Amino acid sequence: MSFHWVSREARLKIIDVLLSSRSIKQLASELGVSPTAVRKYVYRRAYPDDEVISRALSILAPYEKEKVYEVLVEDILSSVKTLITMIDDPRLREKARERIVESVAGE
């Protein structure tokens, strides 16, 4: 699955959630990366790629799921809000809002 839509900040927040109950070494092992890579995420020197995010989502403990899903939903909402504010034509802005509501309501 592709996670290109997940922002860099959200990727780092997911790592932060996972590190709240694991050591760097343990998380690195579970993600299939080096402890150095995890440290780079912690110090914001690198960002987890799509494959690492996919693995991160697959190892979530039940108590971590709500936090991570909240991070992802907030990330999407932030992007949508940014898009809506960029539309300068009020008619097109309203049409975009309606389409978003229809899409979400249609689940």
C-alpha atoms as a PDB file:
ATOM      1  CA  MET A   1       0.000   0.000   0.000  1.00  0.00           C
ATOM      2  CA  SER A   2       1.200   3.491  -0.814  1.00  0.00           C
ATOM      3  CA  PHE A   3       1.517   6.062   1.925  1.00  0.00           C
ATOM      4  CA  HIS A   4       2.797   8.949  -0.204  1.00  0.00           C
ATOM      5  CA  TRP A   5      -0.092  11.058   1.080  1.00  0.00           C
ATOM      6  CA  VAL A   6       1.188  10.930   4.676  1.00  0.00           C
ATOM      7  CA  SER A   7       3.111  14.099   5.509  1.00  0.00           C
ATOM      8  CA  ARG A   8       6.618  14.068   6.933  1.00  0.00           C
ATOM      9  CA  GLU A   9       5.360  15.432  10.246  1.00  0.00           C
ATOM     10  CA  ALA A  10       2.709  12.717  10.539  1.00  0.00           C
ATOM     11  CA  ARG A  11       5.317  10.045   9.781  1.00  0.00           C
ATOM     12  CA  LEU A  12       7.456  11.320  12.642  1.00  0.00           C
ATOM     13  CA  LYS A  13       4.474  11.485  14.993  1.00  0.00           C
ATOM     14  CA  ILE A  14       3.738   7.822  14.250  1.00  0.00           C
ATOM     15  CA  ILE A  15       7.314   6.948  15.203  1.00  0.00           C
ATOM     16  CA  ASP A  16       6.917   8.998  18.392  1.00  0.00           C
ATOM     17  CA  VAL A  17       3.789   7.024  19.332  1.00  0.00           C
ATOM     18  CA  LEU A  18       5.600   3.736  18.788  1.00  0.00           C
ATOM     19  CA  LEU A  19       8.577   4.905  20.824  1.00  0.00           C
ATOM     20  CA  SER A  20       6.357   5.750  23.769  1.00  0.00           C
ATOM     21  CA  SER A  21       6.224   2.035  24.593  1.00  0.00           C
ATOM     22  CA  ARG A  22       9.383   0.638  22.957  1.00  0.00           C
ATOM     23  CA  SER A  23      13.094   1.234  23.031  1.00  0.00           C
ATOM     24  CA  ILE A  24      14.862   2.522  19.944  1.00  0.00           C
ATOM     25  CA  LYS A  25      16.525  -0.855  19.491  1.00  0.00           C
ATOM     26  CA  GLN A  26      13.238  -2.765  19.807  1.00  0.00           C
ATOM     27  CA  LEU A  27      11.420  -0.450  17.390  1.00  0.00           C
ATOM     28  CA  ALA A  28      14.266  -0.668  14.886  1.00  0.00           C
ATOM     29  CA  SER A  29      14.037  -4.453  14.980  1.00  0.00           C
ATOM     30  CA  GLU A  30      10.254  -4.419  14.537  1.00  0.00           C
ATOM     31  CA  LEU A  31      10.475  -1.970  11.624  1.00  0.00           C
ATOM     32  CA  GLY A  32      13.388  -3.728   9.944  1.00  0.00           C
ATOM     33  CA  VAL A  33      15.651  -0.681  10.094  1.00  0.00           C
ATOM     34  CA  SER A  34      18.773   0.151  12.044  1.00  0.00           C
ATOM     35  CA  PRO A  35      18.714   1.861  15.435  1.00  0.00           C
ATOM     36  CA  THR A  36      20.586   4.695  13.717  1.00  0.00           C
ATOM     37  CA  ALA A  37      17.663   5.166  11.315  1.00  0.00           C
ATOM     38  CA  VAL A  38      15.237   5.386  14.237  1.00  0.00           C
ATOM     39  CA  ARG A  39      17.504   7.917  15.960  1.00  0.00           C
ATOM     40  CA  LYS A  40      17.476  10.003  12.768  1.00  0.00           C
ATOM     41  CA  TYR A  41      13.662   9.977  12.900  1.00  0.00           C
ATOM     42  CA  VAL A  42      13.735  11.017  16.560  1.00  0.00           C
ATOM     43  CA  TYR A  43      16.103  13.911  15.865  1.00  0.00           C
ATOM     44  CA  ARG A  44      14.165  14.873  12.696  1.00  0.00           C
ATOM     45  CA  ARG A  45      17.165  14.261  10.426  1.00  0.00           C
ATOM     46  CA  ALA A  46      15.310  11.701   8.281  1.00  0.00           C
ATOM     47  CA  TYR A  47      11.766  10.557   7.617  1.00  0.00           C
ATOM     48  CA  PRO A  48      10.399   7.021   7.458  1.00  0.00           C
ATOM     49  CA  ASP A  49       9.585   5.935   3.914  1.00  0.00           C
ATOM     50  CA  ASP A  50       6.330   4.286   2.802  1.00  0.00           C
ATOM     51  CA  GLU A  51       7.604   0.777   3.559  1.00  0.00           C
ATOM     52  CA  VAL A  52       8.552   1.731   7.128  1.00  0.00           C
ATOM     53  CA  ILE A  53       5.181   3.413   7.656  1.00  0.00           C
ATOM     54  CA  SER A  54       3.428   0.308   6.354  1.00  0.00           C
ATOM     55  CA  ARG A  55       5.360  -1.841   8.831  1.00  0.00           C
ATOM     56  CA  ALA A  56       4.667   0.655  11.615  1.00  0.00           C
ATOM     57  CA  LEU A  57       0.926   0.401  11.011  1.00  0.00           C
ATOM     58  CA  SER A  58       1.131  -3.387  11.000  1.00  0.00           C
ATOM     59  CA  ILE A  59       2.784  -3.555  14.446  1.00  0.00           C
ATOM     60  CA  LEU A  60       0.480  -1.168  16.283  1.00  0.00           C
ATOM     61  CA  ALA A  61      -0.659  -2.384  19.646  1.00  0.00           C
ATOM     62  CA  PRO A  62      -4.394  -1.923  20.283  1.00  0.00           C
ATOM     63  CA  TYR A  63      -3.741   0.995  22.634  1.00  0.00           C
ATOM     64  CA  GLU A  64      -1.629   2.754  19.954  1.00  0.00           C
ATOM     65  CA  LYS A  65      -4.163   2.511  17.131  1.00  0.00           C
ATOM     66  CA  GLU A  66      -6.383   5.359  18.297  1.00  0.00           C
ATOM     67  CA  LYS A  67      -3.424   7.733  18.622  1.00  0.00           C
ATOM     68  CA  VAL A  68      -1.983   6.841  15.227  1.00  0.00           C
ATOM     69  CA  TYR A  69      -5.330   6.989  13.433  1.00  0.00           C
ATOM     70  CA  GLU A  70      -5.894  10.400  15.007  1.00  0.00           C
ATOM     71  CA  VAL A  71      -2.511  11.538  13.644  1.00  0.00           C
ATOM     72  CA  LEU A  72      -3.470  10.302  10.168  1.00  0.00           C
ATOM     73  CA  VAL A  73      -6.946  11.865  10.207  1.00  0.00           C
ATOM     74  CA  GLU A  74      -5.576  15.212  11.409  1.00  0.00           C
ATOM     75  CA  ASP A  75      -2.952  15.061   8.659  1.00  0.00           C
ATOM     76  CA  ILE A  76      -5.605  14.510   5.985  1.00  0.00           C
ATOM     77  CA  LEU A  77      -7.859  17.232   7.393  1.00  0.00           C
ATOM     78  CA  SER A  78      -4.991  19.698   7.449  1.00  0.00           C
ATOM     79  CA  SER A  79      -4.281  19.005   3.773  1.00  0.00           C
ATOM     80  CA  VAL A  80      -7.948  19.367   2.842  1.00  0.00           C
ATOM     81  CA  LYS A  81      -8.244  22.652   4.742  1.00  0.00           C
ATOM     82  CA  THR A  82      -5.158  23.964   2.966  1.00  0.00           C
ATOM     83  CA  LEU A  83      -6.600  22.988  -0.395  1.00  0.00           C
ATOM     84  CA  ILE A  84      -9.971  24.638   0.324  1.00  0.00           C
ATOM     85  CA  THR A  85      -8.341  27.907   1.391  1.00  0.00           C
ATOM     86  CA  MET A  86      -6.280  27.936  -1.806  1.00  0.00           C
ATOM     87  CA  ILE A  87      -9.394  27.997  -4.000  1.00  0.00           C
ATOM     88  CA  ASP A  88     -10.103  31.659  -4.629  1.00  0.00           C
ATOM     89  CA  ASP A  89     -13.379  31.233  -6.530  1.00  0.00           C
ATOM     90  CA  PRO A  90     -16.204  30.957  -3.937  1.00  0.00           C
ATOM     91  CA  ARG A  91     -18.301  28.795  -6.281  1.00  0.00           C
ATOM     92  CA  LEU A  92     -15.476  26.324  -6.823  1.00  0.00           C
ATOM     93  CA  ARG A  93     -14.620  26.362  -3.112  1.00  0.00           C
ATOM     94  CA  GLU A  94     -18.215  25.424  -2.232  1.00  0.00           C
ATOM     95  CA  LYS A  95     -18.269  22.746  -4.929  1.00  0.00           C
ATOM     96  CA  ALA A  96     -15.073  21.253  -3.470  1.00  0.00           C
ATOM     97  CA  ARG A  97     -16.570  21.278   0.036  1.00  0.00           C
ATOM     98  CA  GLU A  98     -19.717  19.535  -1.213  1.00  0.00           C
ATOM     99  CA  ARG A  99     -17.666  16.900  -3.023  1.00  0.00           C
ATOM    100  CA  ILE A 100     -15.606  16.205   0.106  1.00  0.00           C
ATOM    101  CA  VAL A 101     -18.741  15.806   2.226  1.00  0.00           C
ATOM    102  CA  GLU A 102     -20.327  13.505  -0.388  1.00  0.00           C
ATOM    103  CA  SER A 103     -17.195  11.390  -0.561  1.00  0.00           C
ATOM    104  CA  VAL A 104     -16.924  10.968   3.195  1.00  0.00           C
ATOM    105  CA  ALA A 105     -20.656  10.383   3.671  1.00  0.00           C
ATOM    106  CA  GLY A 106     -20.634   7.752   0.913  1.00  0.00           C
ATOM    107  CA  GLU A 107     -18.057   5.593   2.697  1.00  0.00           C
END
